[in-house]
């Protein structure tokens, strides 16, 4: 968890410039946390605290269904913002060269973590179902 917090801070750090009016901090942090944590649980579930928690895994399957729609909505909101306002609107107080670099970083970082979080969150419930089944029927995670 500490690694995730540090990584999220380092990824968001360039966008925390006081001259940048970036309205997607919350969504961006949710995307980063979701991508890292869910990907970790998808691949390393047997080494986690969730490994033998059957009720929690079943609950997570149902919790992630609306959460996936939240993630999709957040990424769609970002894309809509880019279409309506433009990529460089949040950086309007910066020089053109700096705004272009930071705008490209903002776009690629948001799309990478957003789409990664969505894909990982779609895979995650299936991984939980498989884990519940194998623990019940085979005794393994």
Foldseek 3Di string as FASTA:
>chain_A
DVVLVVVLCVLCVVQVPPQFPDPQSPLLSVLSSLLVVLVCCLVPVQVDPCLPVLVVLVVLLVVLVVVLVVLVVSVVVVVVCCVPQNLQNRVPVDDPVVSVVVSVSVVVSSVVSSVSSNVSSVVRNVSSVVSSVCCVPPVGD
